[in-house]
N, C-alpha and C. Protein backbone atom coordinates (compact mmCIF):
# COMPACT_ATOMS: atom_id res chain seq x y z
N ALA A 1 0.85 -1.18 0.00
CA ALA A 1 0.00 0.00 0.00
C ALA A 1 0.88 1.23 0.00
N ALA A 2 0.51 2.20 -0.79
CA ALA A 2 1.27 3.45 -0.91
C ALA A 2 0.96 4.35 0.29
N LEU A 3 1.94 5.15 0.67
CA LEU A 3 1.75 6.11 1.75
C LEU A 3 1.10 7.37 1.19
N ASP A 4 0.26 7.99 2.01
CA ASP A 4 -0.33 9.25 1.56
C ASP A 4 0.70 10.36 1.68
N ALA A 5 0.39 11.53 1.16
CA ALA A 5 1.34 12.64 1.10
C ALA A 5 1.73 13.19 2.47
N ALA A 6 0.91 12.97 3.49
CA ALA A 6 1.17 13.54 4.82
C ALA A 6 1.82 12.56 5.79
N TRP A 7 2.28 11.41 5.33
CA TRP A 7 2.80 10.39 6.25
C TRP A 7 4.00 10.89 7.04
N LEU A 8 4.85 11.72 6.44
CA LEU A 8 6.06 12.16 7.13
C LEU A 8 5.73 13.01 8.35
N ARG A 9 4.67 13.80 8.30
CA ARG A 9 4.29 14.63 9.45
C ARG A 9 3.80 13.77 10.61
N ARG A 10 3.35 12.56 10.34
CA ARG A 10 2.86 11.67 11.39
C ARG A 10 3.92 10.64 11.82
N ALA A 11 5.03 10.60 11.13
CA ALA A 11 6.05 9.58 11.38
C ALA A 11 6.80 9.86 12.69
N HIS A 12 7.20 8.79 13.37
CA HIS A 12 8.01 8.88 14.58
C HIS A 12 9.13 7.86 14.48
N LEU A 13 10.22 8.15 15.13
CA LEU A 13 11.35 7.23 15.19
C LEU A 13 11.65 6.98 16.66
N GLY A 14 11.72 5.72 17.03
CA GLY A 14 12.04 5.38 18.41
C GLY A 14 13.29 4.53 18.48
N VAL A 15 14.13 4.80 19.47
CA VAL A 15 15.34 4.03 19.71
C VAL A 15 15.33 3.64 21.18
N THR A 16 15.47 2.35 21.47
CA THR A 16 15.45 1.90 22.85
C THR A 16 16.67 1.05 23.15
N ALA A 17 16.96 0.92 24.44
CA ALA A 17 18.06 0.07 24.89
C ALA A 17 17.75 -0.41 26.30
N SER A 18 18.30 -1.54 26.67
CA SER A 18 18.09 -2.07 28.01
C SER A 18 19.37 -2.72 28.49
N THR A 19 19.75 -2.41 29.74
CA THR A 19 20.95 -3.02 30.31
C THR A 19 20.65 -3.78 31.58
N GLY A 20 19.45 -3.60 32.13
CA GLY A 20 19.14 -4.23 33.39
C GLY A 20 19.53 -3.39 34.59
N GLN A 21 20.22 -2.28 34.38
CA GLN A 21 20.59 -1.37 35.45
C GLN A 21 19.42 -0.46 35.77
N LEU A 22 19.47 0.18 36.93
CA LEU A 22 18.43 1.11 37.33
C LEU A 22 18.32 2.27 36.35
N ALA A 23 19.44 2.84 35.99
CA ALA A 23 19.44 3.95 35.04
C ALA A 23 20.78 3.99 34.34
N ASP A 24 20.76 4.11 33.05
CA ASP A 24 21.97 4.22 32.24
C ASP A 24 21.70 5.18 31.10
N ASN A 25 22.74 5.79 30.62
CA ASN A 25 22.64 6.59 29.40
C ASN A 25 23.10 5.74 28.24
N HIS A 26 22.49 5.93 27.12
CA HIS A 26 22.87 5.20 25.92
C HIS A 26 23.07 6.18 24.79
N ASP A 27 24.13 6.02 24.05
CA ASP A 27 24.40 6.86 22.89
C ASP A 27 24.10 6.08 21.64
N VAL A 28 23.43 6.72 20.71
CA VAL A 28 23.21 6.12 19.40
C VAL A 28 24.47 6.43 18.59
N LEU A 29 25.21 5.40 18.23
CA LEU A 29 26.47 5.59 17.52
C LEU A 29 26.27 5.70 16.02
N ALA A 30 25.23 5.10 15.52
CA ALA A 30 24.96 5.18 14.09
C ALA A 30 23.49 4.89 13.85
N LEU A 31 22.95 5.53 12.85
CA LEU A 31 21.57 5.31 12.46
C LEU A 31 21.50 5.50 10.96
N ASP A 32 21.23 4.42 10.25
CA ASP A 32 21.13 4.48 8.79
C ASP A 32 19.66 4.51 8.41
N VAL A 33 19.30 5.47 7.60
CA VAL A 33 17.93 5.57 7.11
C VAL A 33 17.98 5.72 5.60
N SER A 34 16.89 5.32 4.98
CA SER A 34 16.81 5.41 3.53
C SER A 34 15.37 5.66 3.13
N SER A 35 15.18 6.50 2.13
CA SER A 35 13.83 6.74 1.64
C SER A 35 13.54 5.86 0.43
N ASP A 36 14.50 5.08 0.02
CA ASP A 36 14.36 4.22 -1.15
C ASP A 36 14.42 2.76 -0.70
N ALA A 37 13.33 2.02 -0.88
CA ALA A 37 13.27 0.63 -0.43
C ALA A 37 14.31 -0.23 -1.13
N ALA A 38 14.55 0.02 -2.41
CA ALA A 38 15.54 -0.77 -3.15
C ALA A 38 16.95 -0.51 -2.62
N GLU A 39 17.25 0.75 -2.31
CA GLU A 39 18.56 1.10 -1.74
C GLU A 39 18.74 0.43 -0.38
N HIS A 40 17.70 0.43 0.42
CA HIS A 40 17.73 -0.20 1.73
C HIS A 40 17.99 -1.71 1.61
N ALA A 41 17.27 -2.35 0.71
CA ALA A 41 17.44 -3.80 0.51
C ALA A 41 18.84 -4.12 0.01
N ALA A 42 19.38 -3.29 -0.88
CA ALA A 42 20.73 -3.52 -1.41
C ALA A 42 21.77 -3.37 -0.30
N ALA A 43 21.62 -2.37 0.55
CA ALA A 43 22.57 -2.16 1.65
C ALA A 43 22.53 -3.32 2.63
N ASP A 44 21.34 -3.84 2.92
CA ASP A 44 21.23 -5.00 3.81
C ASP A 44 21.83 -6.24 3.16
N ALA A 45 21.62 -6.39 1.85
CA ALA A 45 22.11 -7.58 1.15
C ALA A 45 23.63 -7.64 1.09
N ASP A 46 24.29 -6.49 0.91
CA ASP A 46 25.75 -6.51 0.79
C ASP A 46 26.46 -6.42 2.14
N GLY A 47 25.71 -6.33 3.23
CA GLY A 47 26.30 -6.33 4.56
C GLY A 47 26.97 -5.03 4.94
N ALA A 48 26.77 -3.97 4.19
CA ALA A 48 27.43 -2.70 4.46
C ALA A 48 27.01 -2.13 5.82
N ARG A 49 25.83 -2.44 6.27
CA ARG A 49 25.35 -1.87 7.54
C ARG A 49 26.02 -2.51 8.75
N ALA A 50 26.59 -3.67 8.59
CA ALA A 50 27.20 -4.37 9.73
C ALA A 50 28.69 -4.57 9.55
N ALA A 51 29.33 -3.71 8.77
CA ALA A 51 30.76 -3.86 8.51
C ALA A 51 31.57 -3.54 9.77
N PRO A 52 32.52 -4.38 10.13
CA PRO A 52 33.35 -4.11 11.31
C PRO A 52 34.35 -3.00 11.02
N PHE A 53 34.82 -2.34 12.08
CA PHE A 53 35.83 -1.31 11.91
C PHE A 53 37.15 -1.91 11.45
N PHE A 54 37.50 -3.05 11.99
CA PHE A 54 38.72 -3.74 11.60
C PHE A 54 38.38 -5.19 11.31
N ALA A 55 38.81 -5.67 10.19
CA ALA A 55 38.70 -7.10 9.92
C ALA A 55 39.81 -7.80 10.68
N PRO A 56 39.67 -9.07 11.03
CA PRO A 56 40.74 -9.77 11.76
C PRO A 56 42.07 -9.65 11.02
N GLY A 57 43.10 -9.27 11.76
CA GLY A 57 44.43 -9.15 11.19
C GLY A 57 44.72 -7.82 10.52
N GLU A 58 43.76 -6.91 10.49
CA GLU A 58 43.98 -5.62 9.84
C GLU A 58 44.08 -4.50 10.88
N GLY A 59 45.04 -3.63 10.69
CA GLY A 59 45.08 -2.39 11.43
C GLY A 59 45.54 -2.43 12.87
N ILE A 60 45.51 -3.57 13.52
CA ILE A 60 45.86 -3.60 14.93
C ILE A 60 46.36 -5.00 15.30
N THR A 61 47.41 -5.04 16.09
CA THR A 61 47.93 -6.33 16.53
C THR A 61 47.18 -6.79 17.77
N ALA A 62 47.27 -8.07 18.06
CA ALA A 62 46.59 -8.62 19.23
C ALA A 62 47.14 -8.01 20.52
N ASP A 63 48.46 -7.76 20.56
CA ASP A 63 49.08 -7.16 21.74
C ASP A 63 48.58 -5.73 21.94
N ARG A 64 48.56 -4.97 20.86
CA ARG A 64 48.09 -3.58 20.98
C ARG A 64 46.61 -3.55 21.37
N PHE A 65 45.82 -4.44 20.81
CA PHE A 65 44.41 -4.51 21.17
C PHE A 65 44.26 -4.82 22.65
N ALA A 66 45.05 -5.74 23.17
CA ALA A 66 44.98 -6.10 24.60
C ALA A 66 45.33 -4.90 25.48
N ARG A 67 46.35 -4.13 25.08
CA ARG A 67 46.73 -2.93 25.85
C ARG A 67 45.63 -1.88 25.81
N ILE A 68 45.05 -1.67 24.65
CA ILE A 68 43.95 -0.71 24.53
C ILE A 68 42.77 -1.16 25.37
N GLU A 69 42.45 -2.44 25.30
CA GLU A 69 41.33 -2.97 26.08
C GLU A 69 41.56 -2.79 27.57
N ALA A 70 42.78 -3.02 28.03
CA ALA A 70 43.10 -2.84 29.45
C ALA A 70 42.93 -1.38 29.87
N GLN A 71 43.39 -0.46 29.04
CA GLN A 71 43.24 0.96 29.34
C GLN A 71 41.76 1.37 29.35
N LEU A 72 40.99 0.86 28.41
CA LEU A 72 39.56 1.17 28.37
C LEU A 72 38.85 0.60 29.58
N ASP A 73 39.22 -0.61 29.99
CA ASP A 73 38.62 -1.20 31.19
C ASP A 73 38.90 -0.33 32.42
N ALA A 74 40.13 0.15 32.53
CA ALA A 74 40.48 1.01 33.66
C ALA A 74 39.70 2.32 33.61
N LEU A 75 39.55 2.88 32.43
CA LEU A 75 38.79 4.12 32.28
C LEU A 75 37.32 3.91 32.63
N VAL A 76 36.74 2.82 32.17
CA VAL A 76 35.34 2.52 32.49
C VAL A 76 35.18 2.36 34.00
N ALA A 77 36.10 1.69 34.65
CA ALA A 77 36.01 1.50 36.10
C ALA A 77 36.05 2.86 36.82
N ARG A 78 36.92 3.76 36.36
CA ARG A 78 37.00 5.08 36.98
C ARG A 78 35.72 5.88 36.75
N LEU A 79 35.15 5.77 35.55
CA LEU A 79 33.90 6.47 35.25
C LEU A 79 32.75 5.92 36.07
N GLU A 80 32.70 4.60 36.25
CA GLU A 80 31.65 4.01 37.07
C GLU A 80 31.76 4.47 38.52
N HIS A 81 33.01 4.56 39.02
CA HIS A 81 33.22 5.06 40.38
C HIS A 81 32.76 6.51 40.49
N LEU A 82 33.09 7.32 39.51
CA LEU A 82 32.69 8.73 39.51
C LEU A 82 31.16 8.85 39.46
N GLN A 83 30.52 8.05 38.63
CA GLN A 83 29.06 8.08 38.54
C GLN A 83 28.43 7.70 39.88
N HIS A 84 28.95 6.66 40.51
CA HIS A 84 28.43 6.22 41.81
C HIS A 84 28.58 7.34 42.84
N HIS A 85 29.74 7.96 42.88
CA HIS A 85 30.00 9.05 43.82
C HIS A 85 29.06 10.22 43.55
N LEU A 86 28.89 10.58 42.28
CA LEU A 86 28.03 11.69 41.91
C LEU A 86 26.58 11.41 42.29
N GLU A 87 26.11 10.19 42.09
CA GLU A 87 24.74 9.85 42.48
C GLU A 87 24.53 10.05 43.98
N HIS A 88 25.50 9.65 44.79
CA HIS A 88 25.39 9.83 46.24
C HIS A 88 25.41 11.31 46.60
N GLU A 89 26.25 12.09 45.94
CA GLU A 89 26.30 13.52 46.22
C GLU A 89 24.98 14.19 45.84
N MET A 90 24.38 13.80 44.73
CA MET A 90 23.11 14.38 44.30
C MET A 90 21.98 14.03 45.27
N VAL A 91 21.99 12.81 45.79
CA VAL A 91 20.99 12.42 46.79
C VAL A 91 21.17 13.27 48.04
N ALA A 92 22.40 13.48 48.47
CA ALA A 92 22.66 14.29 49.65
C ALA A 92 22.18 15.72 49.45
N VAL A 93 22.42 16.28 48.28
CA VAL A 93 21.97 17.65 47.99
C VAL A 93 20.45 17.70 48.01
N ARG A 94 19.83 16.72 47.37
CA ARG A 94 18.36 16.69 47.31
C ARG A 94 17.77 16.59 48.73
N ARG A 95 18.34 15.72 49.54
CA ARG A 95 17.82 15.55 50.91
C ARG A 95 18.04 16.82 51.74
N ALA A 96 19.18 17.44 51.58
CA ALA A 96 19.46 18.67 52.33
C ALA A 96 18.51 19.78 51.87
N ARG A 97 18.19 19.80 50.62
CA ARG A 97 17.32 20.85 50.07
C ARG A 97 15.89 20.72 50.59
N VAL A 98 15.40 19.51 50.70
CA VAL A 98 14.02 19.32 51.16
C VAL A 98 13.94 19.04 52.66
N GLY A 99 15.08 18.98 53.33
CA GLY A 99 15.10 18.75 54.77
C GLY A 99 14.77 17.33 55.16
N ALA A 100 14.99 16.40 54.26
CA ALA A 100 14.68 15.00 54.55
C ALA A 100 15.73 14.40 55.47
N PRO A 101 15.31 13.50 56.36
CA PRO A 101 16.29 12.84 57.24
C PRO A 101 17.17 11.86 56.44
N TRP A 102 18.32 11.61 56.94
CA TRP A 102 19.23 10.66 56.28
C TRP A 102 18.75 9.28 56.58
């Protein structure tokens, strides 16, 4: 069935994610859209939408990847600690502002 001329004004796009945590932020890293069904089908067929950044053996050695991964793990741990600390500070500010007991 063909779309009427006003379909774009009624269109919505939703992006969701779930981690099982109480609250997390999620960044959309990429979003491919197409107004041409044939172009969309061709892109899906050739796998262009799921192309990896590095194919195995290209651009990075296993040792360098391991070092980068270790540094990223350490950075994520520090960010998680900072987030936890900030959440506690925000609760303390909120409680002090409304006079709530600890």
